[in-house]
Amino acid sequence: MFVPMYIPGHWEIIVVVFAIVLLFGGRKIPEMMKGIGTGIREFKKGVRDDDSDKTISEDTEKTTKPES
């Protein structure tokens, strides 16, 4: 049975943002966003490096295998 996802409305989003500002304060939020941005950037860099490592290893495998 398919259950539709709940999409929050305008008031729910406003209440959540207000609660976050109350909990963390106005000065901590930019620091948290900077940390999240740095984490996302490092994750993407790691994924990109992993993909390039795979292509490099595949290229070396092709060149080191003897042809029949």
PDB file of N, CA and C in Angstrom:
ATOM      1  N   MET A   1       0.843  -1.170   0.000  1.00  0.00           N
ATOM      2  CA  MET A   1       0.000   0.000   0.000  1.00  0.00           C
ATOM      3  C   MET A   1       0.892   1.239   0.000  1.00  0.00           C
ATOM      4  N   PHE A   2       0.619   2.179  -0.846  1.00  0.00           N
ATOM      5  CA  PHE A   2       1.406   3.402  -0.974  1.00  0.00           C
ATOM      6  C   PHE A   2       0.901   4.461  -0.006  1.00  0.00           C
ATOM      7  N   VAL A   3       1.820   4.990   0.796  1.00  0.00           N
ATOM      8  CA  VAL A   3       1.483   6.063   1.726  1.00  0.00           C
ATOM      9  C   VAL A   3       2.165   7.327   1.230  1.00  0.00           C
ATOM     10  N   PRO A   4       1.416   8.381   0.909  1.00  0.00           N
ATOM     11  CA  PRO A   4       2.045   9.602   0.388  1.00  0.00           C
ATOM     12  C   PRO A   4       2.913  10.275   1.450  1.00  0.00           C
ATOM     13  N   MET A   5       3.995  10.897   0.985  1.00  0.00           N
ATOM     14  CA  MET A   5       4.897  11.606   1.888  1.00  0.00           C
ATOM     15  C   MET A   5       4.231  12.898   2.350  1.00  0.00           C
ATOM     16  N   TYR A   6       4.538  13.286   3.566  1.00  0.00           N
ATOM     17  CA  TYR A   6       3.998  14.536   4.100  1.00  0.00           C
ATOM     18  C   TYR A   6       4.920  15.680   3.691  1.00  0.00           C
ATOM     19  N   ILE A   7       4.356  16.709   3.083  1.00  0.00           N
ATOM     20  CA  ILE A   7       5.116  17.888   2.684  1.00  0.00           C
ATOM     21  C   ILE A   7       4.730  19.018   3.637  1.00  0.00           C
ATOM     22  N   PRO A   8       5.718  19.526   4.413  1.00  0.00           N
ATOM     23  CA  PRO A   8       5.372  20.573   5.379  1.00  0.00           C
ATOM     24  C   PRO A   8       4.961  21.875   4.692  1.00  0.00           C
ATOM     25  N   GLY A   9       4.051  22.565   5.312  1.00  0.00           N
ATOM     26  CA  GLY A   9       3.580  23.842   4.779  1.00  0.00           C
ATOM     27  C   GLY A   9       4.434  24.997   5.259  1.00  0.00           C
ATOM     28  N   HIS A  10       3.989  26.191   4.963  1.00  0.00           N
ATOM     29  CA  HIS A  10       4.748  27.391   5.309  1.00  0.00           C
ATOM     30  C   HIS A  10       4.876  27.561   6.827  1.00  0.00           C
ATOM     31  N   TRP A  11       3.778  27.352   7.545  1.00  0.00           N
ATOM     32  CA  TRP A  11       3.819  27.557   8.992  1.00  0.00           C
ATOM     33  C   TRP A  11       4.719  26.551   9.685  1.00  0.00           C
ATOM     34  N   GLU A  12       4.721  25.320   9.229  1.00  0.00           N
ATOM     35  CA  GLU A  12       5.587  24.323   9.849  1.00  0.00           C
ATOM     36  C   GLU A  12       7.057  24.671   9.660  1.00  0.00           C
ATOM     37  N   ILE A  13       7.412  25.142   8.462  1.00  0.00           N
ATOM     38  CA  ILE A  13       8.800  25.521   8.188  1.00  0.00           C
ATOM     39  C   ILE A  13       9.198  26.710   9.059  1.00  0.00           C
ATOM     40  N   ILE A  14       8.303  27.690   9.201  1.00  0.00           N
ATOM     41  CA  ILE A  14       8.591  28.859  10.032  1.00  0.00           C
ATOM     42  C   ILE A  14       8.803  28.445  11.485  1.00  0.00           C
ATOM     43  N   VAL A  15       7.976  27.553  11.975  1.00  0.00           N
ATOM     44  CA  VAL A  15       8.106  27.093  13.360  1.00  0.00           C
ATOM     45  C   VAL A  15       9.428  26.352  13.558  1.00  0.00           C
ATOM     46  N   VAL A  16       9.821  25.516  12.619  1.00  0.00           N
ATOM     47  CA  VAL A  16      11.081  24.778  12.737  1.00  0.00           C
ATOM     48  C   VAL A  16      12.268  25.733  12.710  1.00  0.00           C
ATOM     49  N   VAL A  17      12.261  26.699  11.817  1.00  0.00           N
ATOM     50  CA  VAL A  17      13.354  27.677  11.747  1.00  0.00           C
ATOM     51  C   VAL A  17      13.423  28.483  13.041  1.00  0.00           C
ATOM     52  N   PHE A  18      12.284  28.894  13.553  1.00  0.00           N
ATOM     53  CA  PHE A  18      12.245  29.645  14.805  1.00  0.00           C
ATOM     54  C   PHE A  18      12.801  28.801  15.957  1.00  0.00           C
ATOM     55  N   ALA A  19      12.441  27.531  16.018  1.00  0.00           N
ATOM     56  CA  ALA A  19      12.948  26.648  17.078  1.00  0.00           C
ATOM     57  C   ALA A  19      14.457  26.468  16.970  1.00  0.00           C
ATOM     58  N   ILE A  20      14.976  26.353  15.751  1.00  0.00           N
ATOM     59  CA  ILE A  20      16.423  26.205  15.562  1.00  0.00           C
ATOM     60  C   ILE A  20      17.148  27.462  16.027  1.00  0.00           C
ATOM     61  N   VAL A  21      16.610  28.626  15.699  1.00  0.00           N
ATOM     62  CA  VAL A  21      17.235  29.881  16.138  1.00  0.00           C
ATOM     63  C   VAL A  21      17.197  29.995  17.656  1.00  0.00           C
ATOM     64  N   LEU A  22      16.105  29.579  18.279  1.00  0.00           N
ATOM     65  CA  LEU A  22      16.027  29.622  19.732  1.00  0.00           C
ATOM     66  C   LEU A  22      17.022  28.660  20.377  1.00  0.00           C
ATOM     67  N   LEU A  23      17.157  27.462  19.819  1.00  0.00           N
ATOM     68  CA  LEU A  23      18.039  26.468  20.415  1.00  0.00           C
ATOM     69  C   LEU A  23      19.518  26.813  20.249  1.00  0.00           C
ATOM     70  N   PHE A  24      19.911  27.228  19.069  1.00  0.00           N
ATOM     71  CA  PHE A  24      21.322  27.414  18.782  1.00  0.00           C
ATOM     72  C   PHE A  24      21.777  28.868  18.812  1.00  0.00           C
ATOM     73  N   GLY A  25      20.887  29.794  18.716  1.00  0.00           N
ATOM     74  CA  GLY A  25      21.255  31.200  18.707  1.00  0.00           C
ATOM     75  C   GLY A  25      21.672  31.647  17.325  1.00  0.00           C
ATOM     76  N   GLY A  26      21.612  32.942  17.096  1.00  0.00           N
ATOM     77  CA  GLY A  26      21.913  33.493  15.785  1.00  0.00           C
ATOM     78  C   GLY A  26      23.378  33.387  15.406  1.00  0.00           C
ATOM     79  N   ARG A  27      24.272  33.342  16.383  1.00  0.00           N
ATOM     80  CA  ARG A  27      25.707  33.310  16.080  1.00  0.00           C
ATOM     81  C   ARG A  27      26.217  31.917  15.755  1.00  0.00           C
ATOM     82  N   LYS A  28      25.589  30.902  16.270  1.00  0.00           N
ATOM     83  CA  LYS A  28      26.066  29.527  16.036  1.00  0.00           C
ATOM     84  C   LYS A  28      25.615  28.967  14.696  1.00  0.00           C
ATOM     85  N   ILE A  29      24.536  29.461  14.154  1.00  0.00           N
ATOM     86  CA  ILE A  29      23.989  28.914  12.912  1.00  0.00           C
ATOM     87  C   ILE A  29      24.954  29.073  11.740  1.00  0.00           C
ATOM     88  N   PRO A  30      25.584  30.247  11.520  1.00  0.00           N
ATOM     89  CA  PRO A  30      26.550  30.337  10.417  1.00  0.00           C
ATOM     90  C   PRO A  30      27.738  29.385  10.594  1.00  0.00           C
ATOM     91  N   GLU A  31      28.176  29.182  11.832  1.00  0.00           N
ATOM     92  CA  GLU A  31      29.265  28.241  12.083  1.00  0.00           C
ATOM     93  C   GLU A  31      28.843  26.816  11.737  1.00  0.00           C
ATOM     94  N   MET A  32      27.600  26.463  12.092  1.00  0.00           N
ATOM     95  CA  MET A  32      27.109  25.121  11.761  1.00  0.00           C
ATOM     96  C   MET A  32      26.999  24.934  10.256  1.00  0.00           C
ATOM     97  N   MET A  33      26.487  25.942   9.552  1.00  0.00           N
ATOM     98  CA  MET A  33      26.348  25.843   8.096  1.00  0.00           C
ATOM     99  C   MET A  33      27.718  25.749   7.425  1.00  0.00           C
ATOM    100  N   LYS A  34      28.706  26.465   7.949  1.00  0.00           N
ATOM    101  CA  LYS A  34      30.060  26.382   7.409  1.00  0.00           C
ATOM    102  C   LYS A  34      30.610  24.973   7.597  1.00  0.00           C
ATOM    103  N   GLY A  35      30.380  24.386   8.759  1.00  0.00           N
ATOM    104  CA  GLY A  35      30.827  23.017   9.017  1.00  0.00           C
ATOM    105  C   GLY A  35      30.146  22.011   8.105  1.00  0.00           C
ATOM    106  N   ILE A  36      28.853  22.202   7.887  1.00  0.00           N
ATOM    107  CA  ILE A  36      28.119  21.299   6.993  1.00  0.00           C
ATOM    108  C   ILE A  36      28.636  21.434   5.568  1.00  0.00           C
ATOM    109  N   GLY A  37      28.877  22.678   5.133  1.00  0.00           N
ATOM    110  CA  GLY A  37      29.400  22.911   3.782  1.00  0.00           C
ATOM    111  C   GLY A  37      30.766  22.285   3.597  1.00  0.00           C
ATOM    112  N   THR A  38      31.625  22.411   4.613  1.00  0.00           N
ATOM    113  CA  THR A  38      32.955  21.801   4.537  1.00  0.00           C
ATOM    114  C   THR A  38      32.842  20.282   4.474  1.00  0.00           C
ATOM    115  N   GLY A  39      31.941  19.728   5.245  1.00  0.00           N
ATOM    116  CA  GLY A  39      31.748  18.277   5.224  1.00  0.00           C
ATOM    117  C   GLY A  39      31.255  17.780   3.879  1.00  0.00           C
ATOM    118  N   ILE A  40      30.316  18.484   3.290  1.00  0.00           N
ATOM    119  CA  ILE A  40      29.801  18.102   1.964  1.00  0.00           C
ATOM    120  C   ILE A  40      30.902  18.203   0.925  1.00  0.00           C
ATOM    121  N   ARG A  41      31.704  19.282   1.001  1.00  0.00           N
ATOM    122  CA  ARG A  41      32.803  19.476   0.047  1.00  0.00           C
ATOM    123  C   ARG A  41      33.829  18.336   0.165  1.00  0.00           C
ATOM    124  N   GLU A  42      34.167  17.950   1.398  1.00  0.00           N
ATOM    125  CA  GLU A  42      35.115  16.852   1.608  1.00  0.00           C
ATOM    126  C   GLU A  42      34.540  15.527   1.109  1.00  0.00           C
ATOM    127  N   PHE A  43      33.246  15.320   1.312  1.00  0.00           N
ATOM    128  CA  PHE A  43      32.602  14.087   0.845  1.00  0.00           C
ATOM    129  C   PHE A  43      32.662  13.998  -0.673  1.00  0.00           C
ATOM    130  N   LYS A  44      32.321  15.105  -1.346  1.00  0.00           N
ATOM    131  CA  LYS A  44      32.366  15.113  -2.809  1.00  0.00           C
ATOM    132  C   LYS A  44      33.784  14.897  -3.308  1.00  0.00           C
ATOM    133  N   LYS A  45      34.755  15.501  -2.636  1.00  0.00           N
ATOM    134  CA  LYS A  45      36.159  15.327  -3.013  1.00  0.00           C
ATOM    135  C   LYS A  45      36.571  13.869  -2.855  1.00  0.00           C
ATOM    136  N   GLY A  46      36.135  13.243  -1.765  1.00  0.00           N
ATOM    137  CA  GLY A  46      36.452  11.843  -1.543  1.00  0.00           C
ATOM    138  C   GLY A  46      35.828  10.938  -2.593  1.00  0.00           C
ATOM    139  N   VAL A  47      34.589  11.220  -2.956  1.00  0.00           N
ATOM    140  CA  VAL A  47      33.921  10.419  -3.987  1.00  0.00           C
ATOM    141  C   VAL A  47      34.616  10.603  -5.325  1.00  0.00           C
ATOM    142  N   ARG A  48      34.978  11.841  -5.647  1.00  0.00           N
ATOM    143  CA  ARG A  48      35.655  12.129  -6.909  1.00  0.00           C
ATOM    144  C   ARG A  48      37.026  11.449  -6.946  1.00  0.00           C
ATOM    145  N   ASP A  49      37.760  11.499  -5.831  1.00  0.00           N
ATOM    146  CA  ASP A  49      39.068  10.852  -5.767  1.00  0.00           C
ATOM    147  C   ASP A  49      38.927   9.339  -5.898  1.00  0.00           C
ATOM    148  N   ASP A  50      37.883   8.779  -5.297  1.00  0.00           N
ATOM    149  CA  ASP A  50      37.650   7.337  -5.387  1.00  0.00           C
ATOM    150  C   ASP A  50      37.358   6.937  -6.822  1.00  0.00           C
ATOM    151  N   ASP A  51      36.557   7.725  -7.526  1.00  0.00           N
ATOM    152  CA  ASP A  51      36.251   7.428  -8.925  1.00  0.00           C
ATOM    153  C   ASP A  51      37.503   7.521  -9.786  1.00  0.00           C
ATOM    154  N   SER A  52      38.334   8.531  -9.535  1.00  0.00           N
ATOM    155  CA  SER A  52      39.549   8.668 -10.341  1.00  0.00           C
ATOM    156  C   SER A  52      40.522   7.540 -10.031  1.00  0.00           C
ATOM    157  N   ASP A  53      40.550   7.052  -8.789  1.00  0.00           N
ATOM    158  CA  ASP A  53      41.400   5.911  -8.457  1.00  0.00           C
ATOM    159  C   ASP A  53      40.953   4.665  -9.210  1.00  0.00           C
ATOM    160  N   LYS A  54      39.641   4.489  -9.350  1.00  0.00           N
ATOM    161  CA  LYS A  54      39.127   3.326 -10.080  1.00  0.00           C
ATOM    162  C   LYS A  54      39.519   3.385 -11.548  1.00  0.00           C
ATOM    163  N   THR A  55      39.397   4.554 -12.144  1.00  0.00           N
ATOM    164  CA  THR A  55      39.735   4.653 -13.565  1.00  0.00           C
ATOM    165  C   THR A  55      41.235   4.492 -13.767  1.00  0.00           C
ATOM    166  N   ILE A  56      42.036   4.986 -12.840  1.00  0.00           N
ATOM    167  CA  ILE A  56      43.488   4.811 -12.950  1.00  0.00           C
ATOM    168  C   ILE A  56      43.841   3.339 -12.822  1.00  0.00           C
ATOM    169  N   SER A  57      43.222   2.627 -11.869  1.00  0.00           N
ATOM    170  CA  SER A  57      43.530   1.209 -11.695  1.00  0.00           C
ATOM    171  C   SER A  57      43.035   0.396 -12.892  1.00  0.00           C
ATOM    172  N   GLU A  58      41.892   0.782 -13.471  1.00  0.00           N
ATOM    173  CA  GLU A  58      41.401   0.073 -14.655  1.00  0.00           C
ATOM    174  C   GLU A  58      42.340   0.300 -15.838  1.00  0.00           C
ATOM    175  N   ASP A  59      42.860   1.511 -15.986  1.00  0.00           N
ATOM    176  CA  ASP A  59      43.795   1.800 -17.066  1.00  0.00           C
ATOM    177  C   ASP A  59      45.092   1.010 -16.901  1.00  0.00           C
ATOM    178  N   THR A  60      45.589   0.892 -15.686  1.00  0.00           N
ATOM    179  CA  THR A  60      46.835   0.144 -15.466  1.00  0.00           C
ATOM    180  C   THR A  60      46.615  -1.346 -15.665  1.00  0.00           C
ATOM    181  N   GLU A  61      45.433  -1.842 -15.317  1.00  0.00           N
ATOM    182  CA  GLU A  61      45.135  -3.253 -15.548  1.00  0.00           C
ATOM    183  C   GLU A  61      45.117  -3.558 -17.033  1.00  0.00           C
ATOM    184  N   LYS A  62      44.579  -2.647 -17.827  1.00  0.00           N
ATOM    185  CA  LYS A  62      44.501  -2.868 -19.272  1.00  0.00           C
ATOM    186  C   LYS A  62      45.903  -2.880 -19.877  1.00  0.00           C
ATOM    187  N   THR A  63      46.783  -2.032 -19.366  1.00  0.00           N
ATOM    188  CA  THR A  63      48.123  -1.950 -19.954  1.00  0.00           C
ATOM    189  C   THR A  63      49.035  -3.059 -19.451  1.00  0.00           C
ATOM    190  N   THR A  64      48.767  -3.622 -18.265  1.00  0.00           N
ATOM    191  CA  THR A  64      49.652  -4.658 -17.737  1.00  0.00           C
ATOM    192  C   THR A  64      49.247  -6.064 -18.139  1.00  0.00           C
ATOM    193  N   LYS A  65      48.017  -6.276 -18.608  1.00  0.00           N
ATOM    194  CA  LYS A  65      47.599  -7.605 -19.029  1.00  0.00           C
ATOM    195  C   LYS A  65      48.216  -7.944 -20.376  1.00  0.00           C
ATOM    196  N   PRO A  66      48.791  -9.133 -20.471  1.00  0.00           N
ATOM    197  CA  PRO A  66      49.362  -9.532 -21.781  1.00  0.00           C
ATOM    198  C   PRO A  66      48.250  -9.863 -22.763  1.00  0.00           C
ATOM    199  N   GLU A  67      48.477  -9.502 -23.996  1.00  0.00           N
ATOM    200  CA  GLU A  67      47.479  -9.785 -25.024  1.00  0.00           C
ATOM    201  C   GLU A  67      47.659 -11.213 -25.518  1.00  0.00           C
ATOM    202  N   SER A  68      46.554 -11.865 -25.865  1.00  0.00           N
ATOM    203  CA  SER A  68      46.622 -13.264 -26.310  1.00  0.00           C
ATOM    204  C   SER A  68      46.748 -13.353 -27.806  1.00  0.00           C
TER     205      SER A  68
END
